Amino acid sequence: MSTTLFSKIINREIPATIVYEDDQCLAFRDINPQAPMHILVIPKKPIPKIVDAQAEDQALLGHLLLKAGEIATSEGYGDAFRLVVNNGAGAGQTVFHLHVHILGGRGFSWPPG
């Protein structure tokens, strides 16, 4: 996988407003927020898309979701938030480094976009 914008954020080559970090993931505020809370949770392991994850990534994927819930709660949105994972350009993915969007602080409709 080539170096992505998110890899550069992990490596501190590009600044970001980081809200959480551990040995497996990093979470930071989206620079183009689509809701009052819009945070991205990314694995430090470079996985381009969710379909590229392997069985060995199962615990990491679960970790991303658990941390997303903890982050939403710590931001004050534990009662209502949305998680989004886009897979591929046709689904709206623009950075090919797996990431979970945490969105909260406004109403959401169904079905989404």
PDB file of N, CA and C in Angstrom:
ATOM      1  N   MET A   1       0.844  -1.172   0.000  1.00  0.00           N
ATOM      2  CA  MET A   1       0.000   0.000   0.000  1.00  0.00           C
ATOM      3  C   MET A   1       0.893   1.240   0.000  1.00  0.00           C
ATOM      4  N   SER A   2       0.559   2.203  -0.843  1.00  0.00           N
ATOM      5  CA  SER A   2       1.342   3.437  -0.880  1.00  0.00           C
ATOM      6  C   SER A   2       1.032   4.283   0.357  1.00  0.00           C
ATOM      7  N   THR A   3       1.899   5.244   0.630  1.00  0.00           N
ATOM      8  CA  THR A   3       1.702   6.118   1.772  1.00  0.00           C
ATOM      9  C   THR A   3       0.480   6.984   1.539  1.00  0.00           C
ATOM     10  N   THR A   4      -0.427   6.985   2.505  1.00  0.00           N
ATOM     11  CA  THR A   4      -1.652   7.776   2.393  1.00  0.00           C
ATOM     12  C   THR A   4      -1.587   8.984   3.314  1.00  0.00           C
ATOM     13  N   LEU A   5      -2.530   9.854   3.143  1.00  0.00           N
ATOM     14  CA  LEU A   5      -2.682  11.004   4.027  1.00  0.00           C
ATOM     15  C   LEU A   5      -2.762  10.538   5.476  1.00  0.00           C
ATOM     16  N   PHE A   6      -3.493   9.447   5.728  1.00  0.00           N
ATOM     17  CA  PHE A   6      -3.658   8.963   7.098  1.00  0.00           C
ATOM     18  C   PHE A   6      -2.360   8.373   7.645  1.00  0.00           C
ATOM     19  N   SER A   7      -1.587   7.720   6.801  1.00  0.00           N
ATOM     20  CA  SER A   7      -0.278   7.229   7.246  1.00  0.00           C
ATOM     21  C   SER A   7       0.609   8.399   7.652  1.00  0.00           C
ATOM     22  N   LYS A   8       0.509   9.485   6.912  1.00  0.00           N
ATOM     23  CA  LYS A   8       1.298  10.674   7.240  1.00  0.00           C
ATOM     24  C   LYS A   8       0.838  11.294   8.557  1.00  0.00           C
ATOM     25  N   ILE A   9      -0.452  11.210   8.852  1.00  0.00           N
ATOM     26  CA  ILE A   9      -0.950  11.694  10.143  1.00  0.00           C
ATOM     27  C   ILE A   9      -0.423  10.792  11.260  1.00  0.00           C
ATOM     28  N   ILE A  10      -0.473   9.480  11.062  1.00  0.00           N
ATOM     29  CA  ILE A  10       0.062   8.547  12.057  1.00  0.00           C
ATOM     30  C   ILE A  10       1.525   8.850  12.336  1.00  0.00           C
ATOM     31  N   ASN A  11       2.292   9.121  11.277  1.00  0.00           N
ATOM     32  CA  ASN A  11       3.731   9.385  11.398  1.00  0.00           C
ATOM     33  C   ASN A  11       4.056  10.828  11.788  1.00  0.00           C
ATOM     34  N   ARG A  12       3.004  11.632  12.032  1.00  0.00           N
ATOM     35  CA  ARG A  12       3.151  13.034  12.431  1.00  0.00           C
ATOM     36  C   ARG A  12       3.831  13.886  11.364  1.00  0.00           C
ATOM     37  N   GLU A  13       3.671  13.484  10.118  1.00  0.00           N
ATOM     38  CA  GLU A  13       4.176  14.283   9.007  1.00  0.00           C
ATOM     39  C   GLU A  13       3.184  15.362   8.613  1.00  0.00           C
ATOM     40  N   ILE A  14       1.912  15.151   8.955  1.00  0.00           N
ATOM     41  CA  ILE A  14       0.830  16.098   8.697  1.00  0.00           C
ATOM     42  C   ILE A  14       0.113  16.311  10.029  1.00  0.00           C
ATOM     43  N   PRO A  15      -0.190  17.548  10.379  1.00  0.00           N
ATOM     44  CA  PRO A  15      -0.874  17.777  11.659  1.00  0.00           C
ATOM     45  C   PRO A  15      -2.329  17.348  11.624  1.00  0.00           C
ATOM     46  N   ALA A  16      -2.826  16.983  12.782  1.00  0.00           N
ATOM     47  CA  ALA A  16      -4.240  16.637  12.943  1.00  0.00           C
ATOM     48  C   ALA A  16      -4.607  16.905  14.398  1.00  0.00           C
ATOM     49  N   THR A  17      -5.888  17.110  14.624  1.00  0.00           N
ATOM     50  CA  THR A  17      -6.367  17.282  15.991  1.00  0.00           C
ATOM     51  C   THR A  17      -6.710  15.892  16.528  1.00  0.00           C
ATOM     52  N   ILE A  18      -5.757  15.302  17.215  1.00  0.00           N
ATOM     53  CA  ILE A  18      -5.882  13.935  17.704  1.00  0.00           C
ATOM     54  C   ILE A  18      -6.682  13.934  18.998  1.00  0.00           C
ATOM     55  N   VAL A  19      -7.681  13.040  19.056  1.00  0.00           N
ATOM     56  CA  VAL A  19      -8.500  12.929  20.257  1.00  0.00           C
ATOM     57  C   VAL A  19      -8.240  11.631  21.013  1.00  0.00           C
ATOM     58  N   TYR A  20      -7.605  10.654  20.357  1.00  0.00           N
ATOM     59  CA  TYR A  20      -7.306   9.383  21.022  1.00  0.00           C
ATOM     60  C   TYR A  20      -6.182   8.683  20.253  1.00  0.00           C
ATOM     61  N   GLU A  21      -5.347   7.972  21.008  1.00  0.00           N
ATOM     62  CA  GLU A  21      -4.316   7.157  20.377  1.00  0.00           C
ATOM     63  C   GLU A  21      -3.931   6.037  21.320  1.00  0.00           C
ATOM     64  N   ASP A  22      -3.715   4.853  20.756  1.00  0.00           N
ATOM     65  CA  ASP A  22      -3.117   3.744  21.479  1.00  0.00           C
ATOM     66  C   ASP A  22      -2.202   3.016  20.502  1.00  0.00           C
ATOM     67  N   ASP A  23      -1.740   1.842  20.870  1.00  0.00           N
ATOM     68  CA  ASP A  23      -0.784   1.140  20.014  1.00  0.00           C
ATOM     69  C   ASP A  23      -1.403   0.589  18.732  1.00  0.00           C
ATOM     70  N   GLN A  24      -2.744   0.520  18.652  1.00  0.00           N
ATOM     71  CA  GLN A  24      -3.412  -0.054  17.484  1.00  0.00           C
ATOM     72  C   GLN A  24      -4.118   0.956  16.594  1.00  0.00           C
ATOM     73  N   CYS A  25      -4.515   2.094  17.164  1.00  0.00           N
ATOM     74  CA  CYS A  25      -5.321   3.030  16.374  1.00  0.00           C
ATOM     75  C   CYS A  25      -5.063   4.467  16.774  1.00  0.00           C
ATOM     76  N   LEU A  26      -5.572   5.352  15.930  1.00  0.00           N
ATOM     77  CA  LEU A  26      -5.478   6.791  16.132  1.00  0.00           C
ATOM     78  C   LEU A  26      -6.835   7.381  15.753  1.00  0.00           C
ATOM     79  N   ALA A  27      -7.307   8.358  16.517  1.00  0.00           N
ATOM     80  CA  ALA A  27      -8.570   9.027  16.209  1.00  0.00           C
ATOM     81  C   ALA A  27      -8.333  10.533  16.179  1.00  0.00           C
ATOM     82  N   PHE A  28      -8.906  11.182  15.177  1.00  0.00           N
ATOM     83  CA  PHE A  28      -8.709  12.618  15.013  1.00  0.00           C
ATOM     84  C   PHE A  28      -9.942  13.246  14.379  1.00  0.00           C
ATOM     85  N   ARG A  29     -10.071  14.545  14.560  1.00  0.00           N
ATOM     86  CA  ARG A  29     -11.223  15.276  14.022  1.00  0.00           C
ATOM     87  C   ARG A  29     -11.092  15.413  12.500  1.00  0.00           C
ATOM     88  N   ASP A  30     -12.204  15.187  11.815  1.00  0.00           N
ATOM     89  CA  ASP A  30     -12.234  15.330  10.358  1.00  0.00           C
ATOM     90  C   ASP A  30     -12.068  16.804   9.998  1.00  0.00           C
ATOM     91  N   ILE A  31     -11.270  17.085   8.977  1.00  0.00           N
ATOM     92  CA  ILE A  31     -11.053  18.487   8.587  1.00  0.00           C
ATOM     93  C   ILE A  31     -12.230  19.066   7.792  1.00  0.00           C
ATOM     94  N   ASN A  32     -13.148  18.198   7.365  1.00  0.00           N
ATOM     95  CA  ASN A  32     -14.348  18.636   6.658  1.00  0.00           C
ATOM     96  C   ASN A  32     -15.556  18.002   7.349  1.00  0.00           C
ATOM     97  N   PRO A  33     -15.868  18.436   8.567  1.00  0.00           N
ATOM     98  CA  PRO A  33     -16.895  17.746   9.361  1.00  0.00           C
ATOM     99  C   PRO A  33     -18.283  17.807   8.729  1.00  0.00           C
ATOM    100  N   GLN A  34     -18.970  16.670   8.819  1.00  0.00           N
ATOM    101  CA  GLN A  34     -20.331  16.540   8.302  1.00  0.00           C
ATOM    102  C   GLN A  34     -21.361  16.543   9.420  1.00  0.00           C
ATOM    103  N   ALA A  35     -20.896  16.751  10.643  1.00  0.00           N
ATOM    104  CA  ALA A  35     -21.757  16.816  11.826  1.00  0.00           C
ATOM    105  C   ALA A  35     -20.960  17.551  12.904  1.00  0.00           C
ATOM    106  N   PRO A  36     -21.645  18.032  13.950  1.00  0.00           N
ATOM    107  CA  PRO A  36     -20.908  18.699  15.028  1.00  0.00           C
ATOM    108  C   PRO A  36     -19.760  17.851  15.596  1.00  0.00           C
ATOM    109  N   MET A  37     -19.972  16.551  15.698  1.00  0.00           N
ATOM    110  CA  MET A  37     -18.866  15.654  16.023  1.00  0.00           C
ATOM    111  C   MET A  37     -18.608  14.802  14.788  1.00  0.00           C
ATOM    112  N   HIS A  38     -17.418  14.900  14.242  1.00  0.00           N
ATOM    113  CA  HIS A  38     -17.015  14.056  13.109  1.00  0.00           C
ATOM    114  C   HIS A  38     -15.554  13.695  13.338  1.00  0.00           C
ATOM    115  N   ILE A  39     -15.368  12.482  13.820  1.00  0.00           N
ATOM    116  CA  ILE A  39     -14.048  11.979  14.178  1.00  0.00           C
ATOM    117  C   ILE A  39     -13.777  10.732  13.353  1.00  0.00           C
ATOM    118  N   LEU A  40     -12.551  10.578  12.912  1.00  0.00           N
ATOM    119  CA  LEU A  40     -12.130   9.386  12.180  1.00  0.00           C
ATOM    120  C   LEU A  40     -11.276   8.519  13.091  1.00  0.00           C
ATOM    121  N   VAL A  41     -11.565   7.226  13.102  1.00  0.00           N
ATOM    122  CA  VAL A  41     -10.756   6.256  13.839  1.00  0.00           C
ATOM    123  C   VAL A  41     -10.078   5.379  12.792  1.00  0.00           C
ATOM    124  N   ILE A  42      -8.747   5.342  12.834  1.00  0.00           N
ATOM    125  CA  ILE A  42      -7.997   4.598  11.828  1.00  0.00           C
ATOM    126  C   ILE A  42      -7.073   3.585  12.499  1.00  0.00           C
ATOM    127  N   PRO A  43      -6.904   2.434  11.872  1.00  0.00           N
ATOM    128  CA  PRO A  43      -5.915   1.499  12.410  1.00  0.00           C
ATOM    129  C   PRO A  43      -4.517   1.980  12.044  1.00  0.00           C
ATOM    130  N   LYS A  44      -3.564   1.713  12.900  1.00  0.00           N
ATOM    131  CA  LYS A  44      -2.179   2.044  12.555  1.00  0.00           C
ATOM    132  C   LYS A  44      -1.648   1.074  11.507  1.00  0.00           C
ATOM    133  N   LYS A  45      -2.220  -0.117  11.458  1.00  0.00           N
ATOM    134  CA  LYS A  45      -1.874  -1.066  10.404  1.00  0.00           C
ATOM    135  C   LYS A  45      -2.531  -0.574   9.117  1.00  0.00           C
ATOM    136  N   PRO A  46      -1.789  -0.415   8.038  1.00  0.00           N
ATOM    137  CA  PRO A  46      -2.399   0.077   6.796  1.00  0.00           C
ATOM    138  C   PRO A  46      -3.229  -1.003   6.096  1.00  0.00           C
ATOM    139  N   ILE A  47      -4.542  -0.824   6.134  1.00  0.00           N
ATOM    140  CA  ILE A  47      -5.486  -1.691   5.428  1.00  0.00           C
ATOM    141  C   ILE A  47      -6.247  -0.753   4.487  1.00  0.00           C
ATOM    142  N   PRO A  48      -6.152  -0.938   3.180  1.00  0.00           N
ATOM    143  CA  PRO A  48      -6.781   0.025   2.255  1.00  0.00           C
ATOM    144  C   PRO A  48      -8.306   0.130   2.393  1.00  0.00           C
ATOM    145  N   LYS A  49      -8.996  -0.999   2.390  1.00  0.00           N
ATOM    146  CA  LYS A  49     -10.463  -1.022   2.457  1.00  0.00           C
ATOM    147  C   LYS A  49     -10.882  -2.156   3.379  1.00  0.00           C
ATOM    148  N   ILE A  50     -12.118  -2.107   3.849  1.00  0.00           N
ATOM    149  CA  ILE A  50     -12.610  -3.160   4.752  1.00  0.00           C
ATOM    150  C   ILE A  50     -12.524  -4.529   4.091  1.00  0.00           C
ATOM    151  N   VAL A  51     -12.727  -4.603   2.774  1.00  0.00           N
ATOM    152  CA  VAL A  51     -12.645  -5.908   2.100  1.00  0.00           C
ATOM    153  C   VAL A  51     -11.222  -6.437   2.034  1.00  0.00           C
ATOM    154  N   ASP A  52     -10.244  -5.589   2.313  1.00  0.00           N
ATOM    155  CA  ASP A  52      -8.851  -6.023   2.321  1.00  0.00           C
ATOM    156  C   ASP A  52      -8.419  -6.571   3.679  1.00  0.00           C
ATOM    157  N   ALA A  53      -9.268  -6.436   4.689  1.00  0.00           N
ATOM    158  CA  ALA A  53      -8.949  -6.979   6.006  1.00  0.00           C
ATOM    159  C   ALA A  53      -8.930  -8.505   5.928  1.00  0.00           C
ATOM    160  N   GLN A  54      -8.080  -9.095   6.734  1.00  0.00           N
ATOM    161  CA  GLN A  54      -7.923 -10.547   6.773  1.00  0.00           C
ATOM    162  C   GLN A  54      -8.440 -11.081   8.108  1.00  0.00           C
ATOM    163  N   ALA A  55      -8.566 -12.394   8.201  1.00  0.00           N
ATOM    164  CA  ALA A  55      -9.018 -13.011   9.449  1.00  0.00           C
ATOM    165  C   ALA A  55      -8.140 -12.578  10.623  1.00  0.00           C
ATOM    166  N   GLU A  56      -6.862 -12.389  10.379  1.00  0.00           N
ATOM    167  CA  GLU A  56      -5.936 -11.968  11.443  1.00  0.00           C
ATOM    168  C   GLU A  56      -6.234 -10.555  11.946  1.00  0.00           C
ATOM    169  N   ASP A  57      -7.056  -9.793  11.213  1.00  0.00           N
ATOM    170  CA  ASP A  57      -7.409  -8.428  11.594  1.00  0.00           C
ATOM    171  C   ASP A  57      -8.691  -8.354  12.421  1.00  0.00           C
ATOM    172  N   GLN A  58      -9.288  -9.485  12.713  1.00  0.00           N
ATOM    173  CA  GLN A  58     -10.573  -9.502  13.407  1.00  0.00           C
ATOM    174  C   GLN A  58     -10.529  -8.731  14.727  1.00  0.00           C
ATOM    175  N   ALA A  59      -9.535  -8.975  15.555  1.00  0.00           N
ATOM    176  CA  ALA A  59      -9.442  -8.267  16.838  1.00  0.00           C
ATOM    177  C   ALA A  59      -9.230  -6.765  16.624  1.00  0.00           C
ATOM    178  N   LEU A  60      -8.440  -6.392  15.638  1.00  0.00           N
ATOM    179  CA  LEU A  60      -8.201  -4.983  15.341  1.00  0.00           C
ATOM    180  C   LEU A  60      -9.498  -4.299  14.924  1.00  0.00           C
ATOM    181  N   LEU A  61     -10.280  -4.950  14.077  1.00  0.00           N
ATOM    182  CA  LEU A  61     -11.549  -4.364  13.634  1.00  0.00           C
ATOM    183  C   LEU A  61     -12.495  -4.170  14.810  1.00  0.00           C
ATOM    184  N   GLY A  62     -12.560  -5.146  15.689  1.00  0.00           N
ATOM    185  CA  GLY A  62     -13.375  -5.008  16.896  1.00  0.00           C
ATOM    186  C   GLY A  62     -12.875  -3.871  17.777  1.00  0.00           C
ATOM    187  N   HIS A  63     -11.568  -3.741  17.877  1.00  0.00           N
ATOM    188  CA  HIS A  63     -10.966  -2.669  18.672  1.00  0.00           C
ATOM    189  C   HIS A  63     -11.385  -1.304  18.136  1.00  0.00           C
ATOM    190  N   LEU A  64     -11.393  -1.140  16.810  1.00  0.00           N
ATOM    191  CA  LEU A  64     -11.804   0.133  16.216  1.00  0.00           C
ATOM    192  C   LEU A  64     -13.233   0.493  16.622  1.00  0.00           C
ATOM    193  N   LEU A  65     -14.127  -0.495  16.592  1.00  0.00           N
ATOM    194  CA  LEU A  65     -15.527  -0.228  16.943  1.00  0.00           C
ATOM    195  C   LEU A  65     -15.681   0.078  18.424  1.00  0.00           C
ATOM    196  N   LEU A  66     -14.994  -0.665  19.276  1.00  0.00           N
ATOM    197  CA  LEU A  66     -15.061  -0.383  20.712  1.00  0.00           C
ATOM    198  C   LEU A  66     -14.544   1.019  21.021  1.00  0.00           C
ATOM    199  N   LYS A  67     -13.443   1.386  20.418  1.00  0.00           N
ATOM    200  CA  LYS A  67     -12.880   2.713  20.655  1.00  0.00           C
ATOM    201  C   LYS A  67     -13.807   3.796  20.104  1.00  0.00           C
ATOM    202  N   ALA A  68     -14.457   3.536  18.979  1.00  0.00           N
ATOM    203  CA  ALA A  68     -15.405   4.513  18.429  1.00  0.00           C
ATOM    204  C   ALA A  68     -16.511   4.805  19.438  1.00  0.00           C
ATOM    205  N   GLY A  69     -17.046   3.773  20.062  1.00  0.00           N
ATOM    206  CA  GLY A  69     -18.078   3.975  21.072  1.00  0.00           C
ATOM    207  C   GLY A  69     -17.562   4.744  22.277  1.00  0.00           C
ATOM    208  N   GLU A  70     -16.369   4.419  22.719  1.00  0.00           N
ATOM    209  CA  GLU A  70     -15.766   5.128  23.855  1.00  0.00           C
ATOM    210  C   GLU A  70     -15.521   6.592  23.521  1.00  0.00           C
ATOM    211  N   ILE A  71     -15.051   6.853  22.311  1.00  0.00           N
ATOM    212  CA  ILE A  71     -14.769   8.231  21.899  1.00  0.00           C
ATOM    213  C   ILE A  71     -16.069   9.028  21.807  1.00  0.00           C
ATOM    214  N   ALA A  72     -17.090   8.455  21.188  1.00  0.00           N
ATOM    215  CA  ALA A  72     -18.382   9.150  21.088  1.00  0.00           C
ATOM    216  C   ALA A  72     -18.910   9.485  22.478  1.00  0.00           C
ATOM    217  N   THR A  73     -18.789   8.547  23.392  1.00  0.00           N
ATOM    218  CA  THR A  73     -19.245   8.783  24.764  1.00  0.00           C
ATOM    219  C   THR A  73     -18.425   9.881  25.427  1.00  0.00           C
ATOM    220  N   SER A  74     -17.121   9.848  25.263  1.00  0.00           N
ATOM    221  CA  SER A  74     -16.268  10.863  25.893  1.00  0.00           C
ATOM    222  C   SER A  74     -16.515  12.256  25.306  1.00  0.00           C
ATOM    223  N   GLU A  75     -17.001  12.308  24.065  1.00  0.00           N
ATOM    224  CA  GLU A  75     -17.313  13.583  23.419  1.00  0.00           C
ATOM    225  C   GLU A  75     -18.716  14.083  23.788  1.00  0.00           C
ATOM    226  N   GLY A  76     -19.469  13.271  24.550  1.00  0.00           N
ATOM    227  CA  GLY A  76     -20.801  13.672  24.977  1.00  0.00           C
ATOM    228  C   GLY A  76     -21.931  13.209  24.082  1.00  0.00           C
ATOM    229  N   TYR A  77     -21.651  12.285  23.167  1.00  0.00           N
ATOM    230  CA  TYR A  77     -22.658  11.820  22.215  1.00  0.00           C
ATOM    231  C   TYR A  77     -22.961  10.331  22.365  1.00  0.00           C
ATOM    232  N   GLY A  78     -22.747   9.778  23.554  1.00  0.00           N
ATOM    233  CA  GLY A  78     -22.928   8.349  23.761  1.00  0.00           C
ATOM    234  C   GLY A  78     -24.338   7.843  23.536  1.00  0.00           C
ATOM    235  N   ASP A  79     -25.338   8.727  23.606  1.00  0.00           N
ATOM    236  CA  ASP A  79     -26.721   8.289  23.421  1.00  0.00           C
ATOM    237  C   ASP A  79     -27.121   8.160  21.963  1.00  0.00           C
ATOM    238  N   ALA A  80     -26.478   8.907  21.067  1.00  0.00           N
ATOM    239  CA  ALA A  80     -26.874   8.879  19.660  1.00  0.00           C
ATOM    240  C   ALA A  80     -25.714   9.319  18.781  1.00  0.00           C
ATOM    241  N   PHE A  81     -25.237   8.398  17.969  1.00  0.00           N
ATOM    242  CA  PHE A  81     -24.192   8.702  17.000  1.00  0.00           C
ATOM    243  C   PHE A  81     -24.264   7.672  15.889  1.00  0.00           C
ATOM    244  N   ARG A  82     -23.600   7.957  14.805  1.00  0.00           N
ATOM    245  CA  ARG A  82     -23.579   7.046  13.661  1.00  0.00           C
ATOM    246  C   ARG A  82     -22.137   6.688  13.345  1.00  0.00           C
ATOM    247  N   LEU A  83     -21.923   5.400  13.011  1.00  0.00           N
ATOM    248  CA  LEU A  83     -20.630   4.939  12.520  1.00  0.00           C
ATOM    249  C   LEU A  83     -20.773   4.632  11.042  1.00  0.00           C
ATOM    250  N   VAL A  84     -19.776   5.060  10.247  1.00  0.00           N
ATOM    251  CA  VAL A  84     -19.800   4.824   8.807  1.00  0.00           C
ATOM    252  C   VAL A  84     -18.438   4.305   8.376  1.00  0.00           C
ATOM    253  N   VAL A  85     -18.465   3.233   7.572  1.00  0.00           N
ATOM    254  CA  VAL A  85     -17.254   2.722   6.934  1.00  0.00           C
ATOM    255  C   VAL A  85     -17.558   2.621   5.449  1.00  0.00           C
ATOM    256  N   ASN A  86     -16.880   3.431   4.643  1.00  0.00           N
ATOM    257  CA  ASN A  86     -17.056   3.369   3.192  1.00  0.00           C
ATOM    258  C   ASN A  86     -16.036   2.396   2.616  1.00  0.00           C
ATOM    259  N   ASN A  87     -16.447   1.638   1.599  1.00  0.00           N
ATOM    260  CA  ASN A  87     -15.547   0.683   0.958  1.00  0.00           C
ATOM    261  C   ASN A  87     -15.500   0.958  -0.535  1.00  0.00           C
ATOM    262  N   GLY A  88     -14.440   1.630  -0.968  1.00  0.00           N
ATOM    263  CA  GLY A  88     -14.265   1.905  -2.387  1.00  0.00           C
ATOM    264  C   GLY A  88     -14.790   3.268  -2.793  1.00  0.00           C
ATOM    265  N   ALA A  89     -14.274   3.737  -3.916  1.00  0.00           N
ATOM    266  CA  ALA A  89     -14.628   5.064  -4.411  1.00  0.00           C
ATOM    267  C   ALA A  89     -16.124   5.203  -4.673  1.00  0.00           C
ATOM    268  N   GLY A  90     -16.750   4.151  -5.182  1.00  0.00           N
ATOM    269  CA  GLY A  90     -18.180   4.200  -5.466  1.00  0.00           C
ATOM    270  C   GLY A  90     -19.033   4.365  -4.223  1.00  0.00           C
ATOM    271  N   ALA A  91     -18.471   4.049  -3.054  1.00  0.00           N
ATOM    272  CA  ALA A  91     -19.185   4.203  -1.787  1.00  0.00           C
ATOM    273  C   ALA A  91     -18.781   5.495  -1.077  1.00  0.00           C
ATOM    274  N   GLY A  92     -17.922   6.281  -1.705  1.00  0.00           N
ATOM    275  CA  GLY A  92     -17.522   7.556  -1.122  1.00  0.00           C
ATOM    276  C   GLY A  92     -16.175   7.551  -0.430  1.00  0.00           C
ATOM    277  N   GLN A  93     -15.438   6.442  -0.490  1.00  0.00           N
ATOM    278  CA  GLN A  93     -14.122   6.415   0.139  1.00  0.00           C
ATOM    279  C   GLN A  93     -13.149   7.239  -0.693  1.00  0.00           C
ATOM    280  N   THR A  94     -12.475   8.195  -0.059  1.00  0.00           N
ATOM    281  CA  THR A  94     -11.519   9.042  -0.772  1.00  0.00           C
ATOM    282  C   THR A  94     -10.081   8.815  -0.318  1.00  0.00           C
ATOM    283  N   VAL A  95      -9.900   8.315   0.896  1.00  0.00           N
ATOM    284  CA  VAL A  95      -8.566   7.966   1.389  1.00  0.00           C
ATOM    285  C   VAL A  95      -8.552   6.453   1.578  1.00  0.00           C
ATOM    286  N   PHE A  96      -7.649   5.794   0.875  1.00  0.00           N
ATOM    287  CA  PHE A  96      -7.638   4.333   0.892  1.00  0.00           C
ATOM    288  C   PHE A  96      -6.736   3.800   2.005  1.00  0.00           C
ATOM    289  N   HIS A  97      -7.201   4.110   3.210  1.00  0.00           N
ATOM    290  CA  HIS A  97      -6.684   3.603   4.479  1.00  0.00           C
ATOM    291  C   HIS A  97      -7.951   3.452   5.310  1.00  0.00           C
ATOM    292  N   LEU A  98      -8.285   2.228   5.654  1.00  0.00           N
ATOM    293  CA  LEU A  98      -9.524   1.951   6.383  1.00  0.00           C
ATOM    294  C   LEU A  98      -9.750   2.976   7.480  1.00  0.00           C
ATOM    295  N   HIS A  99     -10.974   3.467   7.583  1.00  0.00           N
ATOM    296  CA  HIS A  99     -11.322   4.403   8.645  1.00  0.00           C
ATOM    297  C   HIS A  99     -12.799   4.325   8.972  1.00  0.00           C
ATOM    298  N   VAL A 100     -13.085   4.566  10.235  1.00  0.00           N
ATOM    299  CA  VAL A 100     -14.450   4.578  10.749  1.00  0.00           C
ATOM    300  C   VAL A 100     -14.796   6.031  11.066  1.00  0.00           C
ATOM    301  N   HIS A 101     -15.859   6.525  10.443  1.00  0.00           N
ATOM    302  CA  HIS A 101     -16.355   7.864  10.756  1.00  0.00           C
ATOM    303  C   HIS A 101     -17.275   7.744  11.972  1.00  0.00           C
ATOM    304  N   ILE A 102     -17.067   8.616  12.954  1.00  0.00           N
ATOM    305  CA  ILE A 102     -18.005   8.748  14.075  1.00  0.00           C
ATOM    306  C   ILE A 102     -18.686  10.096  13.883  1.00  0.00           C
ATOM    307  N   LEU A 103     -20.003  10.072  13.711  1.00  0.00           N
ATOM    308  CA  LEU A 103     -20.769  11.291  13.465  1.00  0.00           C
ATOM    309  C   LEU A 103     -21.815  11.446  14.557  1.00  0.00           C
ATOM    310  N   GLY A 104     -21.944  12.639  15.101  1.00  0.00           N
ATOM    311  CA  GLY A 104     -22.950  12.872  16.129  1.00  0.00           C
ATOM    312  C   GLY A 104     -23.257  14.344  16.273  1.00  0.00           C
ATOM    313  N   GLY A 105     -24.348  14.616  16.972  1.00  0.00           N
ATOM    314  CA  GLY A 105     -24.703  15.995  17.268  1.00  0.00           C
ATOM    315  C   GLY A 105     -25.732  16.596  16.342  1.00  0.00           C
ATOM    316  N   ARG A 106     -26.284  15.798  15.464  1.00  0.00           N
ATOM    317  CA  ARG A 106     -27.379  16.246  14.603  1.00  0.00           C
ATOM    318  C   ARG A 106     -28.230  15.035  14.266  1.00  0.00           C
ATOM    319  N   GLY A 107     -29.422  15.272  13.736  1.00  0.00           N
ATOM    320  CA  GLY A 107     -30.283  14.172  13.332  1.00  0.00           C
ATOM    321  C   GLY A 107     -29.777  13.512  12.062  1.00  0.00           C
ATOM    322  N   PHE A 108     -30.019  12.225  11.944  1.00  0.00           N
ATOM    323  CA  PHE A 108     -29.633  11.458  10.748  1.00  0.00           C
ATOM    324  C   PHE A 108     -30.882  10.781  10.204  1.00  0.00           C
ATOM    325  N   SER A 109     -30.986  10.721   8.903  1.00  0.00           N
ATOM    326  CA  SER A 109     -32.127  10.042   8.289  1.00  0.00           C
ATOM    327  C   SER A 109     -31.721   8.657   7.806  1.00  0.00           C
ATOM    328  N   TRP A 110     -32.716   7.863   7.467  1.00  0.00           N
ATOM    329  CA  TRP A 110     -32.483   6.523   6.923  1.00  0.00           C
ATOM    330  C   TRP A 110     -33.353   6.351   5.715  1.00  0.00           C
ATOM    331  N   PRO A 111     -32.872   5.823   4.632  1.00  0.00           N
ATOM    332  CA  PRO A 111     -31.499   5.363   4.441  1.00  0.00           C
ATOM    333  C   PRO A 111     -30.548   6.527   4.222  1.00  0.00           C
ATOM    334  N   PRO A 112     -29.272   6.316   4.540  1.00  0.00           N
ATOM    335  CA  PRO A 112     -28.304   7.374   4.321  1.00  0.00           C
ATOM    336  C   PRO A 112     -28.039   7.573   2.839  1.00  0.00           C
ATOM    337  N   GLY A 113     -27.559   8.747   2.467  1.00  0.00           N
ATOM    338  CA  GLY A 113     -27.165   9.179   1.135  1.00  0.00           C
ATOM    339  C   GLY A 113     -27.237   8.182   0.080  1.00  0.00           C
TER     340      GLY A 113
END
